PDB file of N, CA and C in Angstrom:
ATOM      1  N   MET A   1     -31.791  21.507  15.952  1.00  0.00           N
ATOM      2  CA  MET A   1     -30.881  21.101  14.866  1.00  0.00           C
ATOM      3  C   MET A   1     -30.706  22.199  13.947  1.00  0.00           C
ATOM      4  N   PRO A   2     -31.667  22.979  13.543  1.00  0.00           N
ATOM      5  CA  PRO A   2     -31.450  23.928  12.661  1.00  0.00           C
ATOM      6  C   PRO A   2     -30.428  25.066  13.085  1.00  0.00           C
ATOM      7  N   GLN A   3     -30.414  25.206  14.412  1.00  0.00           N
ATOM      8  CA  GLN A   3     -29.475  26.246  15.119  1.00  0.00           C
ATOM      9  C   GLN A   3     -28.089  25.655  14.852  1.00  0.00           C
ATOM     10  N   ILE A   4     -27.780  24.442  15.166  1.00  0.00           N
ATOM     11  CA  ILE A   4     -26.580  23.820  14.978  1.00  0.00           C
ATOM     12  C   ILE A   4     -26.056  23.867  13.553  1.00  0.00           C
ATOM     13  N   ALA A   5     -26.920  23.575  12.632  1.00  0.00           N
ATOM     14  CA  ALA A   5     -26.591  23.684  11.271  1.00  0.00           C
ATOM     15  C   ALA A   5     -26.337  25.065  10.768  1.00  0.00           C
ATOM     16  N   ASP A   6     -26.919  26.035  11.306  1.00  0.00           N
ATOM     17  CA  ASP A   6     -26.660  27.546  10.963  1.00  0.00           C
ATOM     18  C   ASP A   6     -25.287  27.795  11.560  1.00  0.00           C
ATOM     19  N   GLU A   7     -25.106  27.368  12.867  1.00  0.00           N
ATOM     20  CA  GLU A   7     -23.796  27.831  13.464  1.00  0.00           C
ATOM     21  C   GLU A   7     -22.543  27.203  12.772  1.00  0.00           C
ATOM     22  N   LEU A   8     -22.735  25.938  12.226  1.00  0.00           N
ATOM     23  CA  LEU A   8     -21.639  25.218  11.606  1.00  0.00           C
ATOM     24  C   LEU A   8     -21.633  25.525  10.074  1.00  0.00           C
ATOM     25  N   ARG A   9     -22.574  26.189   9.633  1.00  0.00           N
ATOM     26  CA  ARG A   9     -22.766  26.472   8.203  1.00  0.00           C
ATOM     27  C   ARG A   9     -22.772  25.290   7.368  1.00  0.00           C
ATOM     28  N   CYS A  10     -23.662  24.341   7.689  1.00  0.00           N
ATOM     29  CA  CYS A  10     -23.828  23.114   6.930  1.00  0.00           C
ATOM     30  C   CYS A  10     -25.292  22.827   6.922  1.00  0.00           C
ATOM     31  N   GLY A  11     -25.640  21.753   6.263  1.00  0.00           N
ATOM     32  CA  GLY A  11     -27.034  21.319   6.159  1.00  0.00           C
ATOM     33  C   GLY A  11     -27.512  20.554   7.535  1.00  0.00           C
ATOM     34  N   GLN A  12     -28.872  20.672   7.640  1.00  0.00           N
ATOM     35  CA  GLN A  12     -29.434  19.878   8.681  1.00  0.00           C
ATOM     36  C   GLN A  12     -29.169  18.290   8.645  1.00  0.00           C
ATOM     37  N   LYS A  13     -29.200  17.944   7.275  1.00  0.00           N
ATOM     38  CA  LYS A  13     -29.045  16.364   7.096  1.00  0.00           C
ATOM     39  C   LYS A  13     -27.605  16.021   7.369  1.00  0.00           C
ATOM     40  N   THR A  14     -26.713  16.884   7.295  1.00  0.00           N
ATOM     41  CA  THR A  14     -25.337  16.708   7.666  1.00  0.00           C
ATOM     42  C   THR A  14     -25.204  16.575   9.156  1.00  0.00           C
ATOM     43  N   VAL A  15     -25.792  17.467   9.902  1.00  0.00           N
ATOM     44  CA  VAL A  15     -25.862  17.486  11.342  1.00  0.00           C
ATOM     45  C   VAL A  15     -26.394  16.135  11.848  1.00  0.00           C
ATOM     46  N   ARG A  16     -27.532  15.879  11.283  1.00  0.00           N
ATOM     47  CA  ARG A  16     -28.280  14.549  11.743  1.00  0.00           C
ATOM     48  C   ARG A  16     -27.323  13.316  11.373  1.00  0.00           C
ATOM     49  N   ARG A  17     -26.660  13.301  10.321  1.00  0.00           N
ATOM     50  CA  ARG A  17     -25.701  12.159  10.109  1.00  0.00           C
ATOM     51  C   ARG A  17     -24.545  12.109  11.015  1.00  0.00           C
ATOM     52  N   TRP A  18     -23.996  13.174  11.480  1.00  0.00           N
ATOM     53  CA  TRP A  18     -22.909  13.275  12.482  1.00  0.00           C
ATOM     54  C   TRP A  18     -23.451  12.832  13.693  1.00  0.00           C
ATOM     55  N   LEU A  19     -24.562  13.288  14.187  1.00  0.00           N
ATOM     56  CA  LEU A  19     -25.135  12.977  15.382  1.00  0.00           C
ATOM     57  C   LEU A  19     -25.488  11.513  15.649  1.00  0.00           C
ATOM     58  N   HIS A  20     -25.948  10.976  14.397  1.00  0.00           N
ATOM     59  CA  HIS A  20     -26.280   9.507  14.388  1.00  0.00           C
ATOM     60  C   HIS A  20     -25.041   8.779  14.654  1.00  0.00           C
ATOM     61  N   ARG A  21     -23.975   9.157  13.732  1.00  0.00           N
ATOM     62  CA  ARG A  21     -22.621   8.440  13.907  1.00  0.00           C
ATOM     63  C   ARG A  21     -22.092   8.658  15.297  1.00  0.00           C
ATOM     64  N   PHE A  22     -22.135   9.771  15.975  1.00  0.00           N
ATOM     65  CA  PHE A  22     -21.722   9.956  17.345  1.00  0.00           C
ATOM     66  C   PHE A  22     -22.434   9.082  18.329  1.00  0.00           C
ATOM     67  N   ASN A  23     -23.895   9.133  18.047  1.00  0.00           N
ATOM     68  CA  ASN A  23     -24.558   8.315  19.189  1.00  0.00           C
ATOM     69  C   ASN A  23     -24.345   6.841  18.933  1.00  0.00           C
ATOM     70  N   HIS A  24     -24.062   6.421  17.837  1.00  0.00           N
ATOM     71  CA  HIS A  24     -23.803   4.952  17.496  1.00  0.00           C
ATOM     72  C   HIS A  24     -22.364   4.511  18.048  1.00  0.00           C
ATOM     73  N   CYS A  25     -21.294   5.409  17.664  1.00  0.00           N
ATOM     74  CA  CYS A  25     -19.940   4.982  17.832  1.00  0.00           C
ATOM     75  C   CYS A  25     -19.072   5.661  18.881  1.00  0.00           C
ATOM     76  N   GLY A  26     -19.855   6.885  19.434  1.00  0.00           N
ATOM     77  CA  GLY A  26     -18.965   7.674  20.184  1.00  0.00           C
ATOM     78  C   GLY A  26     -18.104   8.691  19.373  1.00  0.00           C
ATOM     79  N   LEU A  27     -16.970   8.965  20.187  1.00  0.00           N
ATOM     80  CA  LEU A  27     -15.999   9.996  19.406  1.00  0.00           C
ATOM     81  C   LEU A  27     -15.408   9.232  18.104  1.00  0.00           C
ATOM     82  N   GLU A  28     -15.179   7.937  18.192  1.00  0.00           N
ATOM     83  CA  GLU A  28     -14.683   7.176  16.976  1.00  0.00           C
ATOM     84  C   GLU A  28     -15.555   7.405  15.781  1.00  0.00           C
ATOM     85  N   GLY A  29     -16.841   7.686  16.020  1.00  0.00           N
ATOM     86  CA  GLY A  29     -17.753   7.733  14.910  1.00  0.00           C
ATOM     87  C   GLY A  29     -17.480   9.201  14.199  1.00  0.00           C
ATOM     88  N   LEU A  30     -16.831  10.012  14.729  1.00  0.00           N
ATOM     89  CA  LEU A  30     -16.626  11.413  14.089  1.00  0.00           C
ATOM     90  C   LEU A  30     -15.220  11.289  13.405  1.00  0.00           C
ATOM     91  N   GLU A  31     -14.588  10.226  13.420  1.00  0.00           N
ATOM     92  CA  GLU A  31     -13.338  10.206  12.662  1.00  0.00           C
ATOM     93  C   GLU A  31     -13.595  10.130  11.153  1.00  0.00           C
ATOM     94  N   ASP A  32     -12.562  10.562  10.461  1.00  0.00           N
ATOM     95  CA  ASP A  32     -12.700  10.575   9.049  1.00  0.00           C
ATOM     96  C   ASP A  32     -12.868   9.138   8.590  1.00  0.00           C
ATOM     97  N   LEU A  33     -13.700   8.842   7.760  1.00  0.00           N
ATOM     98  CA  LEU A  33     -13.921   7.533   7.182  1.00  0.00           C
ATOM     99  C   LEU A  33     -12.911   7.097   6.184  1.00  0.00           C
ATOM    100  N   GLY A  34     -12.550   8.137   5.400  1.00  0.00           N
ATOM    101  CA  GLY A  34     -11.551   7.846   4.189  1.00  0.00           C
ATOM    102  C   GLY A  34     -12.189   6.866   3.254  1.00  0.00           C
ATOM    103  N   GLY A  35     -11.614   7.098   1.900  1.00  0.00           N
ATOM    104  CA  GLY A  35     -12.006   6.183   0.973  1.00  0.00           C
ATOM    105  C   GLY A  35     -13.506   6.406   0.373  1.00  0.00           C
ATOM    106  N   GLN A  36     -13.998   7.502   0.815  1.00  0.00           N
ATOM    107  CA  GLN A  36     -15.502   7.770   0.302  1.00  0.00           C
ATOM    108  C   GLN A  36     -15.411   8.645  -1.007  1.00  0.00           C
ATOM    109  N   GLY A  37     -15.927   8.021  -2.031  1.00  0.00           N
ATOM    110  CA  GLY A  37     -15.957   8.749  -3.312  1.00  0.00           C
ATOM    111  C   GLY A  37     -15.419   7.899  -4.242  1.00  0.00           C
ATOM    112  N   CYS A  38     -15.476   8.385  -5.526  1.00  0.00           N
ATOM    113  CA  CYS A  38     -15.127   7.538  -6.606  1.00  0.00           C
ATOM    114  C   CYS A  38     -13.575   7.258  -6.665  1.00  0.00           C
ATOM    115  N   LYS A  39     -13.185   6.104  -7.115  1.00  0.00           N
ATOM    116  CA  LYS A  39     -11.884   5.857  -7.233  1.00  0.00           C
ATOM    117  C   LYS A  39     -11.491   6.254  -8.676  1.00  0.00           C
ATOM    118  N   ARG A  40     -10.136   6.631  -8.787  1.00  0.00           N
ATOM    119  CA  ARG A  40      -9.639   7.117 -10.047  1.00  0.00           C
ATOM    120  C   ARG A  40      -9.627   5.937 -11.071  1.00  0.00           C
ATOM    121  N   ARG A  41     -10.016   6.168 -12.337  1.00  0.00           N
ATOM    122  CA  ARG A  41     -10.193   5.152 -13.259  1.00  0.00           C
ATOM    123  C   ARG A  41      -8.905   5.009 -14.041  1.00  0.00           C
ATOM    124  N   ILE A  42      -7.963   6.243 -13.957  1.00  0.00           N
ATOM    125  CA  ILE A  42      -6.735   6.106 -14.764  1.00  0.00           C
ATOM    126  C   ILE A  42      -5.668   6.408 -13.872  1.00  0.00           C
ATOM    127  N   THR A  43      -4.530   5.886 -14.333  1.00  0.00           N
ATOM    128  CA  THR A  43      -3.359   6.287 -13.353  1.00  0.00           C
ATOM    129  C   THR A  43      -2.860   7.733 -13.705  1.00  0.00           C
ATOM    130  N   GLU A  44      -1.936   8.255 -13.020  1.00  0.00           N
ATOM    131  CA  GLU A  44      -1.509   9.548 -13.131  1.00  0.00           C
ATOM    132  C   GLU A  44      -0.674   9.676 -14.399  1.00  0.00           C
ATOM    133  N   ALA A  45       0.088   8.471 -14.719  1.00  0.00           N
ATOM    134  CA  ALA A  45       0.900   8.447 -15.967  1.00  0.00           C
ATOM    135  C   ALA A  45      -0.039   8.501 -17.064  1.00  0.00           C
ATOM    136  N   GLU A  46      -1.198   7.777 -17.122  1.00  0.00           N
ATOM    137  CA  GLU A  46      -2.095   7.794 -18.289  1.00  0.00           C
ATOM    138  C   GLU A  46      -2.745   9.212 -18.293  1.00  0.00           C
ATOM    139  N   ARG A  47      -3.063   9.822 -17.236  1.00  0.00           N
ATOM    140  CA  ARG A  47      -3.532  11.149 -17.347  1.00  0.00           C
ATOM    141  C   ARG A  47      -2.508  12.248 -17.990  1.00  0.00           C
ATOM    142  N   SER A  48      -1.246  12.097 -17.531  1.00  0.00           N
ATOM    143  CA  SER A  48      -0.156  12.937 -18.023  1.00  0.00           C
ATOM    144  C   SER A  48      -0.144  12.674 -19.605  1.00  0.00           C
ATOM    145  N   ARG A  49      -0.150  11.474 -20.045  1.00  0.00           N
ATOM    146  CA  ARG A  49      -0.069  11.107 -21.492  1.00  0.00           C
ATOM    147  C   ARG A  49      -1.228  11.774 -22.237  1.00  0.00           C
ATOM    148  N   ILE A  50      -2.470  11.670 -21.661  1.00  0.00           N
ATOM    149  CA  ILE A  50      -3.647  12.212 -22.381  1.00  0.00           C
ATOM    150  C   ILE A  50      -3.551  13.755 -22.532  1.00  0.00           C
ATOM    151  N   VAL A  51      -3.059  14.392 -21.359  1.00  0.00           N
ATOM    152  CA  VAL A  51      -2.888  15.811 -21.463  1.00  0.00           C
ATOM    153  C   VAL A  51      -1.818  16.240 -22.420  1.00  0.00           C
ATOM    154  N   GLY A  52      -0.762  15.390 -22.542  1.00  0.00           N
ATOM    155  CA  GLY A  52       0.237  15.661 -23.700  1.00  0.00           C
ATOM    156  C   GLY A  52      -0.287  15.550 -25.167  1.00  0.00           C
ATOM    157  N   LEU A  53      -1.178  14.554 -25.286  1.00  0.00           N
ATOM    158  CA  LEU A  53      -1.738  14.245 -26.586  1.00  0.00           C
ATOM    159  C   LEU A  53      -2.760  15.436 -26.952  1.00  0.00           C
ATOM    160  N   VAL A  54      -3.413  15.867 -26.004  1.00  0.00           N
ATOM    161  CA  VAL A  54      -4.502  17.006 -26.265  1.00  0.00           C
ATOM    162  C   VAL A  54      -3.775  18.251 -26.699  1.00  0.00           C
ATOM    163  N   ARG A  55      -2.586  18.472 -26.352  1.00  0.00           N
ATOM    164  CA  ARG A  55      -1.758  19.714 -26.867  1.00  0.00           C
ATOM    165  C   ARG A  55      -1.320  19.558 -28.207  1.00  0.00           C
ATOM    166  N   LEU A  56      -1.161  18.388 -28.865  1.00  0.00           N
ATOM    167  CA  LEU A  56      -0.759  18.207 -30.120  1.00  0.00           C
ATOM    168  C   LEU A  56      -1.710  18.434 -31.167  1.00  0.00           C
ATOM    169  N   THR A  57      -1.279  18.726 -32.443  1.00  0.00           N
ATOM    170  CA  THR A  57      -2.181  18.977 -33.512  1.00  0.00           C
ATOM    171  C   THR A  57      -2.681  17.478 -34.024  1.00  0.00           C
ATOM    172  N   PRO A  58      -3.976  17.367 -33.985  1.00  0.00           N
ATOM    173  CA  PRO A  58      -4.556  16.091 -34.480  1.00  0.00           C
ATOM    174  C   PRO A  58      -4.094  15.590 -35.839  1.00  0.00           C
ATOM    175  N   PRO A  59      -3.836  14.347 -35.989  1.00  0.00           N
ATOM    176  CA  PRO A  59      -3.326  13.830 -37.274  1.00  0.00           C
ATOM    177  C   PRO A  59      -4.423  14.133 -38.312  1.00  0.00           C
ATOM    178  N   GLY A  60      -4.057  14.585 -39.544  1.00  0.00           N
ATOM    179  CA  GLY A  60      -5.036  14.822 -40.581  1.00  0.00           C
ATOM    180  C   GLY A  60      -5.658  16.058 -40.556  1.00  0.00           C
ATOM    181  N   ARG A  61      -5.289  16.850 -39.547  1.00  0.00           N
ATOM    182  CA  ARG A  61      -5.874  18.260 -39.514  1.00  0.00           C
ATOM    183  C   ARG A  61      -5.096  19.132 -40.585  1.00  0.00           C
ATOM    184  N   LEU A  62      -5.731  19.919 -41.339  1.00  0.00           N
ATOM    185  CA  LEU A  62      -5.120  20.761 -42.327  1.00  0.00           C
ATOM    186  C   LEU A  62      -4.486  21.998 -41.546  1.00  0.00           C
ATOM    187  N   GLU A  63      -3.197  22.180 -41.852  1.00  0.00           N
ATOM    188  CA  GLU A  63      -2.505  23.242 -41.254  1.00  0.00           C
ATOM    189  C   GLU A  63      -2.238  24.455 -42.255  1.00  0.00           C
ATOM    190  N   VAL A  64      -2.694  25.647 -42.077  1.00  0.00           N
ATOM    191  CA  VAL A  64      -2.502  26.737 -43.030  1.00  0.00           C
ATOM    192  C   VAL A  64      -1.303  27.452 -42.645  1.00  0.00           C
ATOM    193  N   GLN A  65      -0.407  27.382 -43.752  1.00  0.00           N
ATOM    194  CA  GLN A  65       0.881  28.132 -43.415  1.00  0.00           C
ATOM    195  C   GLN A  65       0.766  29.360 -44.256  1.00  0.00           C
ATOM    196  N   PRO A  66       1.303  30.440 -43.627  1.00  0.00           N
ATOM    197  CA  PRO A  66       1.202  31.739 -44.447  1.00  0.00           C
ATOM    198  C   PRO A  66       2.342  31.691 -45.578  1.00  0.00           C
ATOM    199  N   SER A  67       1.893  32.397 -46.673  1.00  0.00           N
ATOM    200  CA  SER A  67       2.663  32.432 -47.874  1.00  0.00           C
ATOM    201  C   SER A  67       2.819  33.887 -48.303  1.00  0.00           C
ATOM    202  N   ASN A  68       3.864  34.195 -48.942  1.00  0.00           N
ATOM    203  CA  ASN A  68       4.194  35.608 -49.188  1.00  0.00           C
ATOM    204  C   ASN A  68       3.609  35.986 -50.687  1.00  0.00           C
ATOM    205  N   GLU A  69       2.970  35.101 -51.319  1.00  0.00           N
ATOM    206  CA  GLU A  69       2.393  35.369 -52.544  1.00  0.00           C
ATOM    207  C   GLU A  69       1.006  36.023 -52.539  1.00  0.00           C
ATOM    208  N   MET A  70       0.737  36.932 -53.417  1.00  0.00           N
ATOM    209  CA  MET A  70      -0.511  37.627 -53.452  1.00  0.00           C
ATOM    210  C   MET A  70      -1.157  37.574 -54.842  1.00  0.00           C
TER     211      MET A  70
END
């Protein structure tokens, strides 16, 4: 198994997992399962709005404006 992992440039645990899936389900076990991982908690529209707000000057922040007086 270490030789397979080295040749595929992945971990031995990954090779074991894929072999187990192949032995259990055949070629269908090697298909992409999809949906693995965290689901997004906000919509793309909400994300865009947040990014837009980050670019704005926060309310109440003192803005220094240059003056020509010395």
